[in-house]
Amino acid sequence: MMSIFRQYTLDDSFSQVLVSPKFLKEYQIALTFASDYDDDGVPTNGVFRPTWDLTKVTPESITRFKDKNPDVDIKVFISIGNRGTQHPFKPLNNQTWIQNATMSLTSLINNLHVVHGIDVLYDHIDASPADFTECVGQLIRNLKENGVVSQASISPSSYPNQEYYPLLYSSVPFFVDWVDYQFQSEDQPVLEPTTLVKRYNELTKVYPKTKLFAGYSAENEDWATVSPFVFFLGAMDLLKKRSAPGVSIHYHNYYASEAPNKD
């Protein structure tokens, strides 16, 4: 049962994880978040900056983790967006947003030296589905066609998945390698593993199951929606049946104050 595991993190907690090549063929580190908002919460129209802990997440810390686990493919993603309603997707001008996002993320990725991919995770979107699709779809195209990243993923959740993410995926299906669905944001609590599996199977009508991860948050406030027990049993069922290529987990409290960001 070789699969992919993704950890969303804002620090170097990945360095403490035991990675076993018996179960994993790939370990993805998704850095949260690159944000196009300034320190005062004002949108910068696509000028992205890192909000993870720059004192702990460094090319050296990631390289050490790779050297420690030579038998597992380690990939690093930069996740743009935010959880919750704070800092929604809100372009002030589509073309300028695309240009700014392409330039700022290219610079950020090149400076880190170890980034393989881009991830799009917006829980809240303050724009039309057409604007979201135009901006984010073209950004993904630009980064991949320019060779800045080799992989791209989108991470929908219940509310924006109704209109936004299916349209985005259908506009650039060949440029999106993974779809990491966030089950902790479901409208109704998922109380049984079979319910999670059923919901996953429904999603495969929109996204190919060869690309579709089952995503989860380990934060206490999200347990009312999906408990660790329910997710573990449901995800194991999906992996054993080879329905899902991988799973992801958020470890940190993204609803708390911002992570330290020291230059």
Protein backbone atom coordinates (compact mmCIF):
# COMPACT_ATOMS: atom_id res chain seq x y z
CA MET A 1 0.00 0.00 0.00
CA MET A 2 2.49 2.59 -1.19
CA SER A 3 0.96 6.04 -1.14
CA ILE A 4 1.59 9.78 -0.89
CA PHE A 5 1.40 11.73 2.34
CA ARG A 6 1.16 15.52 2.52
CA GLN A 7 1.77 17.60 5.62
CA TYR A 8 0.60 21.19 5.72
CA THR A 9 2.96 23.08 8.01
CA LEU A 10 4.19 26.56 8.89
CA ASP A 11 7.40 25.41 10.56
CA ASP A 12 9.95 22.58 10.47
CA SER A 13 7.81 20.03 12.33
CA PHE A 14 8.23 17.77 9.30
CA SER A 15 11.77 17.11 10.54
CA GLN A 16 10.32 15.16 13.49
CA VAL A 17 8.16 12.87 11.35
CA LEU A 18 9.14 9.23 10.92
CA VAL A 19 8.96 8.49 7.19
CA SER A 20 8.81 4.83 6.23
CA PRO A 21 9.59 3.71 2.67
CA LYS A 22 7.52 0.59 3.42
CA PHE A 23 4.34 2.64 3.21
CA LEU A 24 5.22 5.88 1.45
CA LYS A 25 6.52 6.50 -2.02
CA GLU A 26 6.32 10.28 -1.63
CA TYR A 27 6.18 12.80 1.23
CA GLN A 28 4.92 16.27 0.41
CA ILE A 29 5.60 19.31 2.57
CA ALA A 30 3.03 22.05 1.88
CA LEU A 31 4.20 25.36 3.35
CA THR A 32 1.37 27.54 4.67
CA PHE A 33 0.77 30.10 3.50
CA ALA A 34 2.01 32.46 0.81
CA SER A 35 -0.42 35.36 1.12
CA ASP A 36 -1.17 38.37 -1.07
CA TYR A 37 -2.15 40.50 1.92
CA ASP A 38 0.11 42.85 3.87
CA ASP A 39 0.61 42.96 7.64
CA ASP A 40 -2.45 45.19 8.01
CA GLY A 41 -4.71 42.76 6.14
CA VAL A 42 -4.85 44.86 2.97
CA PRO A 43 -4.86 42.90 -0.32
CA THR A 44 -1.73 43.37 -2.43
CA ASN A 45 -3.31 42.16 -5.68
CA GLY A 46 -1.14 39.11 -6.22
CA VAL A 47 2.12 40.18 -4.56
CA PHE A 48 2.66 37.08 -2.43
CA ARG A 49 4.82 36.86 0.69
CA PRO A 50 5.55 33.90 2.97
CA THR A 51 3.78 33.75 6.35
CA TRP A 52 5.44 30.54 7.57
CA ASP A 53 8.35 30.66 10.04
CA LEU A 54 11.34 31.72 7.98
CA THR A 55 13.67 31.00 10.88
CA LYS A 56 12.75 27.30 10.80
CA VAL A 57 11.76 26.61 7.21
CA THR A 58 14.98 27.01 5.24
CA PRO A 59 16.59 25.25 2.27
CA GLU A 60 19.01 23.71 4.79
CA SER A 61 16.28 22.27 7.05
CA ILE A 62 14.50 20.75 4.06
CA THR A 63 17.74 19.36 2.64
CA ARG A 64 18.53 17.73 6.00
CA PHE A 65 15.09 16.10 5.99
CA LYS A 66 15.68 14.79 2.47
CA ASP A 67 19.10 13.43 3.39
CA LYS A 68 17.55 11.71 6.42
CA ASN A 69 14.99 9.95 4.19
CA PRO A 70 16.78 9.01 0.96
CA ASP A 71 14.37 6.19 0.10
CA VAL A 72 11.27 8.39 -0.04
CA ASP A 73 10.68 11.09 -2.64
CA ILE A 74 10.40 14.40 -0.75
CA LYS A 75 8.59 17.22 -2.51
CA VAL A 76 7.93 20.77 -1.31
CA PHE A 77 4.85 22.79 -2.24
CA ILE A 78 4.03 26.41 -1.52
CA SER A 79 0.37 26.72 -0.59
CA ILE A 80 -1.26 30.02 -1.52
CA GLY A 81 -4.44 31.20 0.19
CA ASN A 82 -5.67 30.80 3.73
CA ARG A 83 -8.02 28.77 5.88
CA GLY A 84 -11.24 30.37 7.11
CA THR A 85 -12.72 33.66 5.96
CA GLN A 86 -9.67 35.81 6.67
CA HIS A 87 -7.68 36.87 3.59
CA PRO A 88 -10.01 35.52 0.89
CA PHE A 89 -9.13 35.34 -2.78
CA LYS A 90 -9.81 38.92 -3.88
CA PRO A 91 -8.08 40.22 -7.01
CA LEU A 92 -8.27 43.98 -7.55
CA ASN A 93 -7.55 43.56 -11.25
CA ASN A 94 -7.29 40.20 -12.98
CA GLN A 95 -4.40 40.86 -15.35
CA THR A 96 -2.37 42.72 -12.76
CA TRP A 97 -3.03 39.96 -10.20
CA ILE A 98 -1.78 37.32 -12.66
CA GLN A 99 1.37 39.31 -13.45
CA ASN A 100 2.10 40.10 -9.79
CA ALA A 101 1.40 36.54 -8.64
CA THR A 102 3.58 35.01 -11.34
CA MET A 103 6.50 37.34 -10.58
CA SER A 104 6.30 37.22 -6.76
CA LEU A 105 5.87 33.46 -6.54
CA THR A 106 8.63 32.86 -9.07
CA SER A 107 10.97 34.94 -6.92
CA LEU A 108 9.87 33.19 -3.72
CA ILE A 109 10.25 29.72 -5.23
CA ASN A 110 13.65 30.49 -6.75
CA ASN A 111 14.92 31.88 -3.45
CA LEU A 112 13.98 28.69 -1.58
CA HIS A 113 15.68 26.49 -4.23
CA VAL A 114 13.84 23.36 -3.04
CA VAL A 115 10.24 23.93 -4.19
CA HIS A 116 8.62 21.46 -6.57
CA GLY A 117 5.04 22.65 -6.70
CA ILE A 118 2.30 25.15 -6.02
CA ASP A 119 -0.89 24.44 -4.07
CA VAL A 120 -4.07 26.53 -4.13
CA LEU A 121 -6.07 26.48 -0.91
CA TYR A 122 -8.64 29.24 -0.50
CA ASP A 123 -11.47 28.47 1.92
CA HIS A 124 -13.20 31.73 1.04
CA ILE A 125 -13.36 33.51 -2.30
CA ASP A 126 -14.49 37.11 -2.77
CA ALA A 127 -14.71 37.03 -6.56
CA SER A 128 -16.76 35.43 -9.31
CA PRO A 129 -16.05 31.84 -10.39
CA ALA A 130 -14.94 33.22 -13.76
CA ASP A 131 -12.43 35.61 -12.19
CA PHE A 132 -11.07 32.91 -9.85
CA THR A 133 -10.66 30.53 -12.77
CA GLU A 134 -9.01 33.13 -15.03
CA CYS A 135 -6.52 34.31 -12.40
CA VAL A 136 -5.55 31.04 -10.73
CA GLY A 137 -5.72 28.99 -13.91
CA GLN A 138 -3.36 31.34 -15.72
CA LEU A 139 -1.03 31.49 -12.72
CA ILE A 140 -0.72 27.70 -12.68
CA ARG A 141 -0.13 27.71 -16.45
CA ASN A 142 2.56 30.38 -16.18
CA LEU A 143 4.47 28.68 -13.37
CA LYS A 144 4.44 25.29 -15.07
CA GLU A 145 5.11 26.47 -18.60
CA ASN A 146 7.99 28.65 -17.36
CA GLY A 147 9.48 25.67 -15.55
CA VAL A 148 9.20 27.35 -12.14
CA VAL A 149 7.34 24.33 -10.72
CA SER A 150 6.90 20.79 -11.94
CA GLN A 151 3.64 20.06 -10.09
CA ALA A 152 0.46 21.90 -9.13
CA SER A 153 -2.39 21.01 -6.83
CA ILE A 154 -5.72 22.54 -5.88
CA SER A 155 -7.29 22.00 -2.47
CA PRO A 156 -11.04 22.57 -2.52
CA SER A 157 -13.45 22.36 0.39
CA SER A 158 -17.22 22.18 0.60
CA TYR A 159 -18.34 25.76 -0.02
CA PRO A 160 -15.95 26.84 -2.82
CA ASN A 161 -16.11 23.38 -4.38
CA GLN A 162 -19.72 24.03 -5.37
CA GLU A 163 -18.84 26.56 -8.09
CA TYR A 164 -15.21 27.61 -8.04
CA TYR A 165 -12.87 24.65 -7.99
CA PRO A 166 -14.66 22.40 -10.51
CA LEU A 167 -14.60 25.26 -13.01
CA LEU A 168 -10.92 25.91 -12.26
CA TYR A 169 -10.02 22.25 -12.69
CA SER A 170 -11.92 21.91 -15.95
CA SER A 171 -10.06 24.93 -17.36
CA VAL A 172 -6.57 23.50 -16.72
CA PRO A 173 -6.96 19.74 -16.12
CA PHE A 174 -3.61 18.82 -17.67
CA PHE A 175 -1.77 21.34 -15.48
CA VAL A 176 -3.25 20.10 -12.18
CA ASP A 177 -1.46 17.03 -10.82
CA TRP A 178 -3.34 16.65 -7.51
CA VAL A 179 -6.66 17.60 -5.95
CA ASP A 180 -6.49 17.62 -2.15
CA TYR A 181 -10.08 17.75 -0.87
CA GLN A 182 -10.39 19.21 2.64
CA PHE A 183 -12.91 17.08 4.53
CA GLN A 184 -12.68 19.11 7.75
CA SER A 185 -14.74 21.87 6.11
CA GLU A 186 -17.80 19.81 5.22
CA ASP A 187 -21.22 21.46 5.70
CA GLN A 188 -22.43 18.56 7.84
CA PRO A 189 -20.44 16.46 10.34
CA VAL A 190 -18.97 13.25 8.94
CA LEU A 191 -19.78 10.80 11.72
CA GLU A 192 -19.02 7.47 10.04
CA PRO A 193 -16.06 6.24 7.96
CA THR A 194 -18.53 4.98 5.35
CA THR A 195 -19.89 8.52 4.98
CA LEU A 196 -16.40 9.83 4.24
CA VAL A 197 -15.83 7.09 1.67
CA LYS A 198 -19.20 7.81 0.06
CA ARG A 199 -18.39 11.53 -0.16
CA TYR A 200 -14.99 10.74 -1.66
CA ASN A 201 -16.62 8.54 -4.30
CA GLU A 202 -19.02 11.36 -5.17
CA LEU A 203 -16.06 13.69 -5.71
CA THR A 204 -14.54 11.28 -8.24
CA LYS A 205 -17.35 12.32 -10.59
CA VAL A 206 -15.70 15.76 -10.70
CA TYR A 207 -12.01 14.96 -10.19
CA PRO A 208 -10.09 11.85 -11.36
CA LYS A 209 -9.54 9.46 -8.47
CA THR A 210 -5.96 9.02 -9.63
CA LYS A 211 -5.40 12.65 -8.53
CA LEU A 212 -7.77 12.93 -5.56
CA PHE A 213 -6.34 13.06 -2.03
CA ALA A 214 -8.39 12.80 1.15
CA GLY A 215 -7.48 15.83 3.27
CA TYR A 216 -7.93 16.31 7.00
CA SER A 217 -7.17 18.70 9.85
CA ALA A 218 -5.81 17.41 13.15
CA GLU A 219 -6.79 20.60 14.96
CA ASN A 220 -9.20 20.10 17.86
CA GLU A 221 -11.71 22.63 16.55
CA ASP A 222 -12.14 20.57 13.39
CA TRP A 223 -12.90 17.30 15.18
CA ALA A 224 -16.59 18.15 15.44
CA THR A 225 -16.76 17.83 11.65
CA VAL A 226 -14.48 14.82 11.20
CA SER A 227 -12.94 13.04 14.19
CA PRO A 228 -9.47 11.46 13.92
CA PHE A 229 -11.07 8.02 14.33
CA VAL A 230 -13.52 8.52 11.48
CA PHE A 231 -10.90 9.96 9.12
CA PHE A 232 -8.31 7.30 9.90
CA LEU A 233 -10.69 4.41 9.23
CA GLY A 234 -12.19 6.03 6.13
CA ALA A 235 -8.80 6.99 4.70
CA MET A 236 -7.35 3.53 5.35
CA ASP A 237 -10.28 2.02 3.51
CA LEU A 238 -9.66 4.30 0.53
CA LEU A 239 -5.93 3.55 0.47
CA LYS A 240 -6.39 -0.21 0.81
CA LYS A 241 -8.81 -0.22 -2.11
CA ARG A 242 -6.36 1.95 -4.08
CA SER A 243 -9.10 4.49 -4.58
CA ALA A 244 -7.02 7.40 -3.27
CA PRO A 245 -3.38 8.06 -4.21
CA GLY A 246 -2.72 9.77 -0.88
CA VAL A 247 -3.87 11.71 2.16
CA SER A 248 -2.99 15.03 3.77
CA ILE A 249 -3.10 16.43 7.29
CA HIS A 250 -2.97 19.93 8.75
CA TYR A 251 -1.07 19.79 12.03
CA HIS A 252 -1.07 23.38 13.18
CA ASN A 253 -3.65 25.84 14.46
CA TYR A 254 -4.24 28.16 11.53
CA TYR A 255 -7.01 29.98 13.37
CA ALA A 256 -4.54 31.28 15.93
CA SER A 257 -2.35 34.31 15.43
CA GLU A 258 0.00 34.38 12.47
CA ALA A 259 3.20 32.40 12.62
CA PRO A 260 6.40 34.31 13.34
CA ASN A 261 7.92 35.55 10.11
CA LYS A 262 11.40 36.80 10.81
CA ASP A 263 13.69 37.92 8.03
